[in-house]
N, C-alpha and C. Protein backbone atom coordinates (compact mmCIF):
# COMPACT_ATOMS: atom_id res chain seq x y z
N MET A 1 -39.87 81.50 63.69
CA MET A 1 -40.78 80.61 64.42
C MET A 1 -41.73 81.44 65.27
N SER A 2 -42.98 81.09 65.24
CA SER A 2 -44.01 81.82 65.97
C SER A 2 -43.99 81.47 67.45
N THR A 3 -44.32 82.46 68.27
CA THR A 3 -44.48 82.20 69.69
C THR A 3 -45.84 81.58 69.92
N VAL A 4 -46.04 81.02 71.09
CA VAL A 4 -47.34 80.43 71.42
C VAL A 4 -48.43 81.51 71.36
N LYS A 5 -48.10 82.69 71.87
CA LYS A 5 -49.07 83.79 71.85
C LYS A 5 -49.49 84.11 70.41
N GLU A 6 -48.52 84.17 69.51
CA GLU A 6 -48.83 84.46 68.10
C GLU A 6 -49.67 83.36 67.48
N LYS A 7 -49.40 82.11 67.83
CA LYS A 7 -50.18 80.99 67.32
C LYS A 7 -51.63 81.06 67.81
N ILE A 8 -51.78 81.42 69.08
CA ILE A 8 -53.13 81.54 69.63
C ILE A 8 -53.90 82.66 68.94
N ILE A 9 -53.25 83.80 68.77
CA ILE A 9 -53.90 84.94 68.10
C ILE A 9 -54.30 84.57 66.69
N LYS A 10 -53.40 83.91 65.95
CA LYS A 10 -53.70 83.50 64.58
C LYS A 10 -54.86 82.51 64.56
N GLY A 11 -54.85 81.58 65.50
CA GLY A 11 -55.93 80.60 65.57
C GLY A 11 -57.27 81.25 65.84
N ILE A 12 -57.28 82.21 66.76
CA ILE A 12 -58.52 82.91 67.10
C ILE A 12 -59.01 83.73 65.91
N GLN A 13 -58.09 84.35 65.18
CA GLN A 13 -58.49 85.16 64.02
C GLN A 13 -59.17 84.31 62.94
N ASN A 14 -58.87 83.02 62.92
CA ASN A 14 -59.46 82.13 61.91
C ASN A 14 -60.78 81.52 62.35
N ILE A 15 -61.24 81.81 63.56
CA ILE A 15 -62.49 81.25 64.07
C ILE A 15 -63.65 82.19 63.70
N ASP A 16 -64.68 81.61 63.10
CA ASP A 16 -65.87 82.38 62.74
C ASP A 16 -67.06 82.06 63.64
N ASN A 17 -66.94 81.02 64.45
CA ASN A 17 -68.02 80.58 65.32
C ASN A 17 -68.13 81.53 66.52
N GLU A 18 -69.19 82.32 66.55
CA GLU A 18 -69.36 83.35 67.59
C GLU A 18 -69.49 82.73 68.98
N GLU A 19 -70.17 81.60 69.09
CA GLU A 19 -70.31 80.93 70.39
C GLU A 19 -68.96 80.48 70.92
N LEU A 20 -68.14 79.90 70.06
CA LEU A 20 -66.81 79.46 70.46
C LEU A 20 -65.95 80.64 70.88
N LEU A 21 -66.04 81.73 70.11
CA LEU A 21 -65.28 82.93 70.47
C LEU A 21 -65.72 83.47 71.83
N GLN A 22 -67.01 83.41 72.12
CA GLN A 22 -67.51 83.86 73.43
C GLN A 22 -66.94 82.99 74.54
N GLU A 23 -66.86 81.68 74.30
CA GLU A 23 -66.29 80.77 75.30
C GLU A 23 -64.81 81.07 75.54
N VAL A 24 -64.08 81.32 74.47
CA VAL A 24 -62.66 81.68 74.60
C VAL A 24 -62.52 82.97 75.38
N TYR A 25 -63.34 83.95 75.07
CA TYR A 25 -63.31 85.23 75.77
C TYR A 25 -63.60 85.05 77.26
N THR A 26 -64.62 84.25 77.57
CA THR A 26 -64.97 83.99 78.96
C THR A 26 -63.83 83.31 79.69
N LEU A 27 -63.18 82.35 79.06
CA LEU A 27 -62.03 81.67 79.64
C LEU A 27 -60.91 82.65 79.95
N ILE A 28 -60.61 83.52 79.02
CA ILE A 28 -59.56 84.52 79.22
C ILE A 28 -59.93 85.44 80.38
N GLN A 29 -61.18 85.88 80.44
CA GLN A 29 -61.62 86.75 81.53
C GLN A 29 -61.48 86.06 82.88
N ASP A 30 -61.89 84.79 82.94
CA ASP A 30 -61.79 84.03 84.19
C ASP A 30 -60.35 83.91 84.65
N ILE A 31 -59.45 83.65 83.72
CA ILE A 31 -58.04 83.52 84.05
C ILE A 31 -57.50 84.84 84.58
N GLN A 32 -57.85 85.93 83.96
CA GLN A 32 -57.37 87.24 84.39
C GLN A 32 -57.92 87.63 85.75
N GLU A 33 -59.15 87.26 86.03
CA GLU A 33 -59.77 87.62 87.31
C GLU A 33 -59.18 86.83 88.47
N THR A 34 -58.80 85.58 88.23
CA THR A 34 -58.29 84.75 89.30
C THR A 34 -56.79 84.91 89.50
N LYS A 35 -56.16 85.66 88.64
CA LYS A 35 -54.72 85.86 88.72
C LYS A 35 -54.44 87.01 89.69
N GLN A 36 -54.08 86.63 90.92
CA GLN A 36 -53.79 87.65 91.91
C GLN A 36 -52.68 87.15 92.82
N VAL A 37 -51.96 88.08 93.41
CA VAL A 37 -50.87 87.76 94.31
C VAL A 37 -51.37 87.87 95.73
N ILE A 38 -51.13 86.84 96.50
CA ILE A 38 -51.53 86.85 97.90
C ILE A 38 -50.27 86.97 98.74
N THR A 39 -50.24 87.96 99.61
CA THR A 39 -49.10 88.16 100.49
C THR A 39 -49.42 87.59 101.86
N LEU A 40 -48.57 86.69 102.32
CA LEU A 40 -48.78 86.05 103.61
C LEU A 40 -47.89 86.68 104.67
N ASN A 41 -48.43 86.75 105.89
CA ASN A 41 -47.59 87.23 106.98
C ASN A 41 -46.81 86.06 107.57
N ALA A 42 -45.94 86.33 108.51
CA ALA A 42 -45.06 85.29 109.08
C ALA A 42 -45.85 84.17 109.72
N GLU A 43 -46.94 84.50 110.42
CA GLU A 43 -47.75 83.47 111.07
C GLU A 43 -48.40 82.55 110.05
N GLN A 44 -48.93 83.11 108.97
CA GLN A 44 -49.56 82.31 107.93
C GLN A 44 -48.54 81.38 107.27
N LYS A 45 -47.35 81.91 107.01
CA LYS A 45 -46.29 81.08 106.42
C LYS A 45 -45.93 79.92 107.34
N LEU A 46 -45.85 80.19 108.64
CA LEU A 46 -45.54 79.16 109.61
C LEU A 46 -46.62 78.09 109.63
N LEU A 47 -47.88 78.49 109.62
CA LEU A 47 -48.99 77.54 109.62
C LEU A 47 -48.98 76.66 108.36
N ILE A 48 -48.65 77.24 107.24
CA ILE A 48 -48.57 76.47 106.00
C ILE A 48 -47.42 75.46 106.08
N GLU A 49 -46.30 75.89 106.61
CA GLU A 49 -45.15 74.99 106.77
C GLU A 49 -45.49 73.84 107.72
N GLU A 50 -46.19 74.15 108.81
CA GLU A 50 -46.61 73.10 109.75
C GLU A 50 -47.55 72.10 109.07
N ALA A 51 -48.47 72.62 108.27
CA ALA A 51 -49.41 71.74 107.56
C ALA A 51 -48.68 70.85 106.57
N ARG A 52 -47.72 71.40 105.87
CA ARG A 52 -46.92 70.59 104.93
C ARG A 52 -46.17 69.50 105.67
N ASN A 53 -45.60 69.83 106.81
CA ASN A 53 -44.87 68.84 107.60
C ASN A 53 -45.80 67.76 108.11
N ASP A 54 -47.00 68.15 108.55
CA ASP A 54 -47.99 67.16 108.98
C ASP A 54 -48.32 66.21 107.84
N TYR A 55 -48.53 66.76 106.66
CA TYR A 55 -48.87 65.93 105.50
C TYR A 55 -47.73 64.96 105.18
N LYS A 56 -46.51 65.47 105.16
CA LYS A 56 -45.35 64.62 104.86
C LYS A 56 -45.19 63.51 105.90
N SER A 57 -45.59 63.79 107.13
CA SER A 57 -45.46 62.81 108.21
C SER A 57 -46.67 61.88 108.31
N GLY A 58 -47.63 62.06 107.41
CA GLY A 58 -48.80 61.19 107.39
C GLY A 58 -49.87 61.58 108.40
N ARG A 59 -49.78 62.77 108.95
CA ARG A 59 -50.77 63.23 109.92
C ARG A 59 -51.87 64.00 109.20
N TYR A 60 -52.78 63.24 108.58
CA TYR A 60 -53.91 63.83 107.87
C TYR A 60 -54.99 62.77 107.73
N TYR A 61 -56.19 63.20 107.39
CA TYR A 61 -57.31 62.30 107.18
C TYR A 61 -57.61 62.23 105.68
N SER A 62 -57.94 61.04 105.23
CA SER A 62 -58.36 60.88 103.84
C SER A 62 -59.77 61.45 103.69
N THR A 63 -60.19 61.66 102.46
CA THR A 63 -61.54 62.15 102.21
C THR A 63 -62.57 61.18 102.78
N GLU A 64 -62.32 59.89 102.58
CA GLU A 64 -63.25 58.88 103.08
C GLU A 64 -63.37 58.94 104.60
N GLU A 65 -62.22 59.07 105.30
CA GLU A 65 -62.24 59.15 106.76
C GLU A 65 -62.99 60.38 107.24
N THR A 66 -62.76 61.49 106.56
CA THR A 66 -63.41 62.74 106.94
C THR A 66 -64.92 62.64 106.79
N PHE A 67 -65.38 62.14 105.64
CA PHE A 67 -66.81 62.04 105.42
C PHE A 67 -67.45 60.99 106.32
N LYS A 68 -66.73 59.90 106.60
CA LYS A 68 -67.26 58.88 107.49
C LYS A 68 -67.51 59.51 108.86
N ASP A 69 -66.54 60.27 109.37
CA ASP A 69 -66.71 60.93 110.66
C ASP A 69 -67.89 61.89 110.64
N LEU A 70 -68.04 62.64 109.56
CA LEU A 70 -69.14 63.60 109.46
C LEU A 70 -70.49 62.91 109.39
N LEU A 71 -70.56 61.83 108.64
CA LEU A 71 -71.82 61.14 108.43
C LEU A 71 -72.22 60.28 109.63
N ASP A 72 -71.24 59.86 110.45
CA ASP A 72 -71.54 59.03 111.62
C ASP A 72 -72.16 59.84 112.76
N ASP A 73 -71.99 61.15 112.74
CA ASP A 73 -72.50 61.99 113.85
C ASP A 73 -73.98 62.21 113.78
């Protein structure tokens, strides 16, 4: 049984459309460029945890509320 990677490679090898191949290549490049590890310090982790707790507790503004406040000023 073929792996997903092998299926993708086989599928790409069967494509003759140069524009489509360029799009696939661009997609792969974009994925590789955005794939990075971000290391957080203790303070950043704490702030993220606080934000998650605020969200779970309903302490947040909806998009509509936020834009209404911005547009009313």
